[in-house]
Amino acid sequence: MIRTMTLSLISALLLSAGAPSVARGNRDQDNLREAAAQGQVIPLNKLIADVRSRPPYNDMTYLGGPQFDAGRMIYALKFMDGSQVVVVYVDARTGRIVGRKP
């Protein structure tokens, strides 16, 4: 019985510790949608299509799962170039490519 109560308490603590990051992620997503609706940022699907149309990315496979840095307003888009993953950093406001790894 004590073991069950201890496991329940630990589970509750772990779940509550993760809640702020989930809430922050939802808030960032909501802010991003609002900014796109107001024309402050380019919608993600348009950004992806634009980058995929440019050489050399038009010959690469887009991997999906974009990441967004809300502080810098930068998307990280992943592409596969042969056997190498290429991350392209795109300004969400302008659509300009601002970096790449490798």
C-alpha atoms as a PDB file:
ATOM      1  CA  MET A   1       0.000   0.000   0.000  1.00  0.00           C
ATOM      2  CA  ILE A   2       2.810   2.428   0.860  1.00  0.00           C
ATOM      3  CA  ARG A   3       4.524   1.474  -2.401  1.00  0.00           C
ATOM      4  CA  THR A   4       1.358   2.268  -4.382  1.00  0.00           C
ATOM      5  CA  MET A   5       0.928   5.620  -2.640  1.00  0.00           C
ATOM      6  CA  THR A   6       4.596   6.466  -3.229  1.00  0.00           C
ATOM      7  CA  LEU A   7       4.343   5.607  -6.934  1.00  0.00           C
ATOM      8  CA  SER A   8       1.155   7.652  -7.228  1.00  0.00           C
ATOM      9  CA  LEU A   9       2.812  10.652  -5.578  1.00  0.00           C
ATOM     10  CA  ILE A  10       5.886  10.398  -7.797  1.00  0.00           C
ATOM     11  CA  SER A  11       3.700  10.116 -10.906  1.00  0.00           C
ATOM     12  CA  ALA A  12       1.704  13.178  -9.895  1.00  0.00           C
ATOM     13  CA  LEU A  13       4.866  15.186  -9.282  1.00  0.00           C
ATOM     14  CA  LEU A  14       6.353  14.178 -12.639  1.00  0.00           C
ATOM     15  CA  LEU A  15       3.166  15.055 -14.476  1.00  0.00           C
ATOM     16  CA  SER A  16       2.894  18.445 -12.817  1.00  0.00           C
ATOM     17  CA  ALA A  17       6.556  19.216 -13.543  1.00  0.00           C
ATOM     18  CA  GLY A  18       5.959  18.688 -17.272  1.00  0.00           C
ATOM     19  CA  ALA A  19       2.835  20.829 -17.422  1.00  0.00           C
ATOM     20  CA  PRO A  20       4.530  24.280 -17.649  1.00  0.00           C
ATOM     21  CA  SER A  21       6.591  23.269 -20.679  1.00  0.00           C
ATOM     22  CA  VAL A  22       3.507  21.892 -22.424  1.00  0.00           C
ATOM     23  CA  ALA A  23       1.571  25.056 -21.602  1.00  0.00           C
ATOM     24  CA  ARG A  24       4.461  27.209 -22.837  1.00  0.00           C
ATOM     25  CA  GLY A  25       4.594  25.191 -26.070  1.00  0.00           C
ATOM     26  CA  ASN A  26       0.861  25.701 -26.609  1.00  0.00           C
ATOM     27  CA  ARG A  27       1.204  29.419 -25.861  1.00  0.00           C
ATOM     28  CA  ASP A  28       4.084  29.750 -28.355  1.00  0.00           C
ATOM     29  CA  GLN A  29       2.003  27.920 -30.961  1.00  0.00           C
ATOM     30  CA  ASP A  30      -0.994  30.175 -30.300  1.00  0.00           C
ATOM     31  CA  ASN A  31       1.191  33.296 -30.538  1.00  0.00           C
ATOM     32  CA  LEU A  32       2.665  32.008 -33.781  1.00  0.00           C
ATOM     33  CA  ARG A  33      -0.776  31.366 -35.288  1.00  0.00           C
ATOM     34  CA  GLU A  34      -1.904  34.837 -34.275  1.00  0.00           C
ATOM     35  CA  ALA A  35       1.225  36.399 -35.792  1.00  0.00           C
ATOM     36  CA  ALA A  36       0.628  34.477 -39.034  1.00  0.00           C
ATOM     37  CA  ALA A  37      -3.007  35.608 -39.129  1.00  0.00           C
ATOM     38  CA  GLN A  38      -1.862  39.223 -38.744  1.00  0.00           C
ATOM     39  CA  GLY A  39       0.761  38.836 -41.476  1.00  0.00           C
ATOM     40  CA  GLN A  40       3.704  39.246 -39.089  1.00  0.00           C
ATOM     41  CA  VAL A  41       5.135  35.835 -39.984  1.00  0.00           C
ATOM     42  CA  ILE A  42       4.904  33.653 -43.051  1.00  0.00           C
ATOM     43  CA  PRO A  43       2.677  30.587 -42.584  1.00  0.00           C
ATOM     44  CA  LEU A  44       4.743  27.451 -42.042  1.00  0.00           C
ATOM     45  CA  ASN A  45       3.387  25.534 -45.052  1.00  0.00           C
ATOM     46  CA  LYS A  46       4.297  28.462 -47.334  1.00  0.00           C
ATOM     47  CA  LEU A  47       7.783  28.705 -45.784  1.00  0.00           C
ATOM     48  CA  ILE A  48       8.416  24.995 -46.292  1.00  0.00           C
ATOM     49  CA  ALA A  49       7.171  25.098 -49.890  1.00  0.00           C
ATOM     50  CA  ASP A  50       9.372  28.110 -50.621  1.00  0.00           C
ATOM     51  CA  VAL A  51      12.531  26.512 -49.209  1.00  0.00           C
ATOM     52  CA  ARG A  52      11.775  23.197 -50.959  1.00  0.00           C
ATOM     53  CA  SER A  53      11.563  25.042 -54.295  1.00  0.00           C
ATOM     54  CA  ARG A  54      15.095  26.500 -53.966  1.00  0.00           C
ATOM     55  CA  PRO A  55      18.302  24.782 -55.020  1.00  0.00           C
ATOM     56  CA  PRO A  56      19.900  22.776 -53.491  1.00  0.00           C
ATOM     57  CA  TYR A  57      16.919  21.919 -51.254  1.00  0.00           C
ATOM     58  CA  ASN A  58      14.705  21.038 -54.216  1.00  0.00           C
ATOM     59  CA  ASP A  59      16.877  17.925 -54.699  1.00  0.00           C
ATOM     60  CA  MET A  60      16.672  16.935 -51.018  1.00  0.00           C
ATOM     61  CA  THR A  61      13.954  15.114 -49.089  1.00  0.00           C
ATOM     62  CA  TYR A  62      12.136  17.212 -46.498  1.00  0.00           C
ATOM     63  CA  LEU A  63      11.980  15.250 -43.234  1.00  0.00           C
ATOM     64  CA  GLY A  64       9.235  17.212 -41.474  1.00  0.00           C
ATOM     65  CA  GLY A  65       9.042  17.959 -37.770  1.00  0.00           C
ATOM     66  CA  PRO A  66       9.994  21.632 -37.938  1.00  0.00           C
ATOM     67  CA  GLN A  67      11.201  23.272 -34.753  1.00  0.00           C
ATOM     68  CA  PHE A  68      10.494  26.886 -33.870  1.00  0.00           C
ATOM     69  CA  ASP A  69      12.589  29.256 -31.769  1.00  0.00           C
ATOM     70  CA  ALA A  70      10.011  31.809 -30.582  1.00  0.00           C
ATOM     71  CA  GLY A  71      12.645  34.153 -29.167  1.00  0.00           C
ATOM     72  CA  ARG A  72      14.476  34.524 -32.466  1.00  0.00           C
ATOM     73  CA  MET A  73      11.456  33.788 -34.730  1.00  0.00           C
ATOM     74  CA  ILE A  74      13.481  31.123 -36.568  1.00  0.00           C
ATOM     75  CA  TYR A  75      12.327  27.771 -37.938  1.00  0.00           C
ATOM     76  CA  ALA A  76      14.695  24.819 -38.168  1.00  0.00           C
ATOM     77  CA  LEU A  77      13.729  22.644 -41.135  1.00  0.00           C
ATOM     78  CA  LYS A  78      15.353  19.235 -41.638  1.00  0.00           C
ATOM     79  CA  PHE A  79      16.276  17.815 -45.028  1.00  0.00           C
ATOM     80  CA  MET A  80      18.014  14.612 -46.089  1.00  0.00           C
ATOM     81  CA  ASP A  81      20.855  15.038 -48.578  1.00  0.00           C
ATOM     82  CA  GLY A  82      21.933  11.512 -49.480  1.00  0.00           C
ATOM     83  CA  SER A  83      22.835  10.038 -46.103  1.00  0.00           C
ATOM     84  CA  GLN A  84      23.339  13.381 -44.351  1.00  0.00           C
ATOM     85  CA  VAL A  85      20.743  15.403 -42.424  1.00  0.00           C
ATOM     86  CA  VAL A  86      20.847  19.106 -43.268  1.00  0.00           C
ATOM     87  CA  VAL A  87      19.153  21.617 -40.966  1.00  0.00           C
ATOM     88  CA  VAL A  88      18.105  24.861 -42.613  1.00  0.00           C
ATOM     89  CA  TYR A  89      17.331  27.883 -40.419  1.00  0.00           C
ATOM     90  CA  VAL A  90      14.654  30.178 -41.831  1.00  0.00           C
ATOM     91  CA  ASP A  91      13.459  33.544 -40.527  1.00  0.00           C
ATOM     92  CA  ALA A  92       9.696  33.170 -39.943  1.00  0.00           C
ATOM     93  CA  ARG A  93       9.098  36.872 -40.639  1.00  0.00           C
ATOM     94  CA  THR A  94      10.910  37.168 -43.971  1.00  0.00           C
ATOM     95  CA  GLY A  95      11.362  33.616 -45.282  1.00  0.00           C
ATOM     96  CA  ARG A  96      15.060  34.292 -45.639  1.00  0.00           C
ATOM     97  CA  ILE A  97      17.464  31.407 -45.003  1.00  0.00           C
ATOM     98  CA  VAL A  98      19.691  32.587 -42.167  1.00  0.00           C
ATOM     99  CA  GLY A  99      21.803  29.491 -41.590  1.00  0.00           C
ATOM    100  CA  ARG A 100      22.455  25.863 -42.293  1.00  0.00           C
ATOM    101  CA  LYS A 101      24.079  22.833 -40.632  1.00  0.00           C
ATOM    102  CA  PRO A 102      26.212  21.268 -42.066  1.00  0.00           C
END
